[in-house]
Amino acid sequence: MTGETQNSTWPLPKFYFSVTGLPGGPVSFQEVTGLETEVTPIEYRHGDSPSFYPIKMPGLGKVGNVTMRKGIFVNDTSLWNWFNQIKMNTIARVTVVVNLLDETGAPKMVWTLNNAFPIKVTGTDLKSEGGEVAVESVDIAYETLVISAP
C-alpha cells in the first residue's frame, strides 16, 4: 500500500558484486558461477555392529571450478595474459575475492578463493547477424573456499 514502511530484513540482490585479486587490476564481471564446496561422505561399518547400516562421517572436502564472464573491451587482454602465465610447475596462483555488495557498496558476503589459477579462457562466439555484446569467460580452479560475512 502507499505510504507503507518496511520494517523487515530482505535478502540481498545478487546483481551488485565485485571481484578483486586478479592480475592486471580490477575487472568488472557480468556473471560469476560455481561458488561451491562439498564434503564427500565416508561410509564405514565395523564387523560386530548390531546395525545393518553403515555409519557416515565427513571425508575429504572438494571445491568446483568457478566460471566468470565479462564483456570484451578494446585492448583488454588481462585474462589471456594471466592464462599465459601457466607453465609447467610455475603457475601464477592468486587469491580471488568475490564480494556481494549492499546498496552502499559495502561487502556483506565474501567468497575467498585461495590459490586460484585459470584453467580455461573462452573467447566470444562471432555472428555477423548478431547484435549482442562480445563476452569472454575464464574458468578458475582453486584449492579452498572461505565464506564470510564481514
Protein backbone atom coordinates (compact mmCIF):
# COMPACT_ATOMS: atom_id res chain seq x y z
CA MET A 1 0.00 0.00 0.00
CA THR A 2 1.02 3.59 -0.43
CA GLY A 3 2.95 5.04 2.49
CA GLU A 4 3.68 1.59 3.91
CA THR A 5 7.01 1.33 5.73
CA GLN A 6 9.37 -1.59 5.57
CA ASN A 7 10.44 -2.99 8.94
CA SER A 8 11.72 -6.43 7.95
CA THR A 9 15.07 -7.51 6.54
CA TRP A 10 15.21 -8.52 2.89
CA PRO A 11 17.73 -10.81 1.15
CA LEU A 12 20.49 -9.08 -0.78
CA PRO A 13 20.07 -8.82 -4.55
CA LYS A 14 22.68 -10.78 -6.46
CA PHE A 15 23.37 -8.27 -9.24
CA TYR A 16 25.66 -5.93 -7.26
CA PHE A 17 29.03 -7.64 -6.72
CA SER A 18 32.75 -7.12 -7.25
CA VAL A 19 35.73 -9.38 -7.96
CA THR A 20 39.21 -8.46 -6.76
CA GLY A 21 42.63 -10.10 -6.68
CA LEU A 22 43.07 -10.88 -10.36
CA PRO A 23 46.33 -9.89 -12.04
CA GLY A 24 46.12 -6.80 -14.22
CA GLY A 25 43.99 -4.72 -11.86
CA PRO A 26 40.26 -4.59 -11.18
CA VAL A 27 37.99 -6.44 -13.61
CA SER A 28 34.22 -5.94 -13.90
CA PHE A 29 32.49 -9.25 -14.44
CA GLN A 30 28.96 -9.78 -15.69
CA GLU A 31 28.50 -13.19 -14.08
CA VAL A 32 30.18 -15.46 -11.52
CA THR A 33 29.02 -19.08 -11.20
CA GLY A 34 30.23 -22.18 -9.36
CA LEU A 35 30.91 -20.84 -5.85
CA GLU A 36 30.50 -24.23 -4.20
CA THR A 37 32.19 -26.57 -1.77
CA GLU A 38 31.23 -30.01 -0.55
CA VAL A 39 32.42 -32.92 1.55
CA THR A 40 32.43 -36.48 0.28
CA PRO A 41 30.98 -38.77 2.96
CA ILE A 42 32.86 -41.87 4.06
CA GLU A 43 30.73 -44.93 4.85
CA TYR A 44 32.00 -47.37 7.45
CA ARG A 45 30.55 -50.37 9.27
CA HIS A 46 32.58 -52.38 11.75
CA GLY A 47 32.11 -56.11 11.78
CA ASP A 48 30.29 -56.52 15.12
CA SER A 49 27.87 -53.61 14.64
CA PRO A 50 24.30 -54.55 15.61
CA SER A 51 23.04 -52.16 12.92
CA PHE A 52 22.89 -53.40 9.34
CA TYR A 53 23.65 -49.90 8.06
CA PRO A 54 26.99 -48.18 7.75
CA ILE A 55 27.72 -45.01 9.65
CA LYS A 56 28.65 -41.94 7.66
CA MET A 57 31.33 -39.45 8.55
CA PRO A 58 32.78 -36.47 6.70
CA GLY A 59 35.61 -37.24 4.34
CA LEU A 60 37.73 -35.08 2.08
CA GLY A 61 36.35 -31.75 1.02
CA LYS A 62 36.35 -30.58 -2.54
CA VAL A 63 35.52 -27.44 -4.47
CA GLY A 64 34.31 -26.95 -8.00
CA ASN A 65 35.65 -24.57 -10.61
CA VAL A 66 34.35 -21.02 -10.82
CA THR A 67 33.38 -19.51 -14.15
CA MET A 68 33.47 -15.74 -14.61
CA ARG A 69 32.09 -13.92 -17.67
CA LYS A 70 32.74 -10.37 -18.78
CA GLY A 71 32.41 -8.13 -21.78
CA ILE A 72 35.37 -7.78 -24.11
CA PHE A 73 36.86 -4.27 -24.16
CA VAL A 74 39.36 -2.81 -26.63
CA ASN A 75 42.97 -3.60 -25.67
CA ASP A 76 41.92 -5.63 -22.59
CA THR A 77 43.86 -8.91 -22.65
CA SER A 78 44.22 -9.35 -18.88
CA LEU A 79 42.53 -12.78 -18.75
CA TRP A 80 44.60 -14.08 -21.67
CA ASN A 81 47.80 -12.72 -20.11
CA TRP A 82 47.03 -14.42 -16.79
CA PHE A 83 46.26 -17.70 -18.57
CA ASN A 84 49.55 -17.47 -20.49
CA GLN A 85 51.48 -17.37 -17.19
CA ILE A 86 50.72 -21.07 -16.68
CA LYS A 87 53.88 -23.03 -17.27
CA MET A 88 54.94 -26.44 -16.09
CA ASN A 89 55.00 -26.23 -12.26
CA THR A 90 55.19 -22.41 -12.28
CA ILE A 91 51.54 -21.43 -12.01
CA ALA A 92 50.73 -17.83 -11.11
CA ARG A 93 48.39 -18.51 -8.16
CA VAL A 94 46.39 -15.66 -6.63
CA THR A 95 43.69 -15.12 -4.02
CA VAL A 96 40.45 -14.11 -5.72
CA VAL A 97 37.77 -12.40 -3.62
CA VAL A 98 34.12 -12.17 -4.70
CA ASN A 99 32.10 -9.62 -2.71
CA LEU A 100 28.32 -9.41 -2.65
CA LEU A 101 27.60 -5.73 -2.02
CA ASP A 102 24.74 -3.85 -0.38
CA GLU A 103 23.19 -0.64 -1.74
CA THR A 104 26.04 1.46 -0.30
CA GLY A 105 28.75 -0.69 -1.95
CA ALA A 106 29.87 -2.33 1.30
CA PRO A 107 30.59 -6.09 1.18
CA LYS A 108 28.00 -8.19 3.01
CA MET A 109 29.04 -11.70 1.89
CA VAL A 110 32.57 -12.61 0.81
CA TRP A 111 33.79 -15.70 -1.05
CA THR A 112 37.58 -16.09 -0.96
CA LEU A 113 39.15 -18.48 -3.49
CA ASN A 114 42.61 -19.44 -2.24
CA ASN A 115 45.48 -20.44 -4.56
CA ALA A 116 43.41 -19.77 -7.67
CA PHE A 117 44.67 -20.06 -11.23
CA PRO A 118 42.98 -20.06 -14.66
CA ILE A 119 42.36 -23.38 -16.37
CA LYS A 120 40.35 -22.22 -19.38
CA VAL A 121 39.74 -18.97 -21.22
CA THR A 122 36.93 -18.85 -23.77
CA GLY A 123 36.55 -16.10 -26.32
CA THR A 124 33.23 -14.93 -27.67
CA ASP A 125 31.27 -16.53 -30.46
CA LEU A 126 31.18 -14.40 -33.58
CA LYS A 127 27.99 -13.91 -35.62
CA SER A 128 27.69 -11.36 -38.39
CA GLU A 129 23.92 -11.18 -37.85
CA GLY A 130 24.02 -10.87 -34.07
CA GLY A 131 23.56 -7.73 -32.04
CA GLU A 132 24.88 -8.96 -28.69
CA VAL A 133 27.88 -7.76 -26.74
CA ALA A 134 31.09 -9.80 -27.11
CA VAL A 135 31.61 -11.79 -23.90
CA GLU A 136 34.63 -13.85 -22.80
CA SER A 137 34.87 -16.23 -19.87
CA VAL A 138 37.53 -17.70 -17.62
CA ASP A 139 37.31 -20.92 -15.61
CA ILE A 140 39.28 -20.77 -12.38
CA ALA A 141 40.48 -23.71 -10.29
CA TYR A 142 41.27 -23.12 -6.62
CA GLU A 143 42.16 -25.13 -3.54
CA THR A 144 39.92 -23.85 -0.75
CA LEU A 145 36.84 -21.66 -0.46
CA VAL A 146 36.25 -19.47 2.58
CA ILE A 147 32.83 -17.86 3.00
CA SER A 148 32.48 -14.97 5.44
CA ALA A 149 30.10 -12.17 6.33
CA PRO A 150 32.14 -9.09 7.36
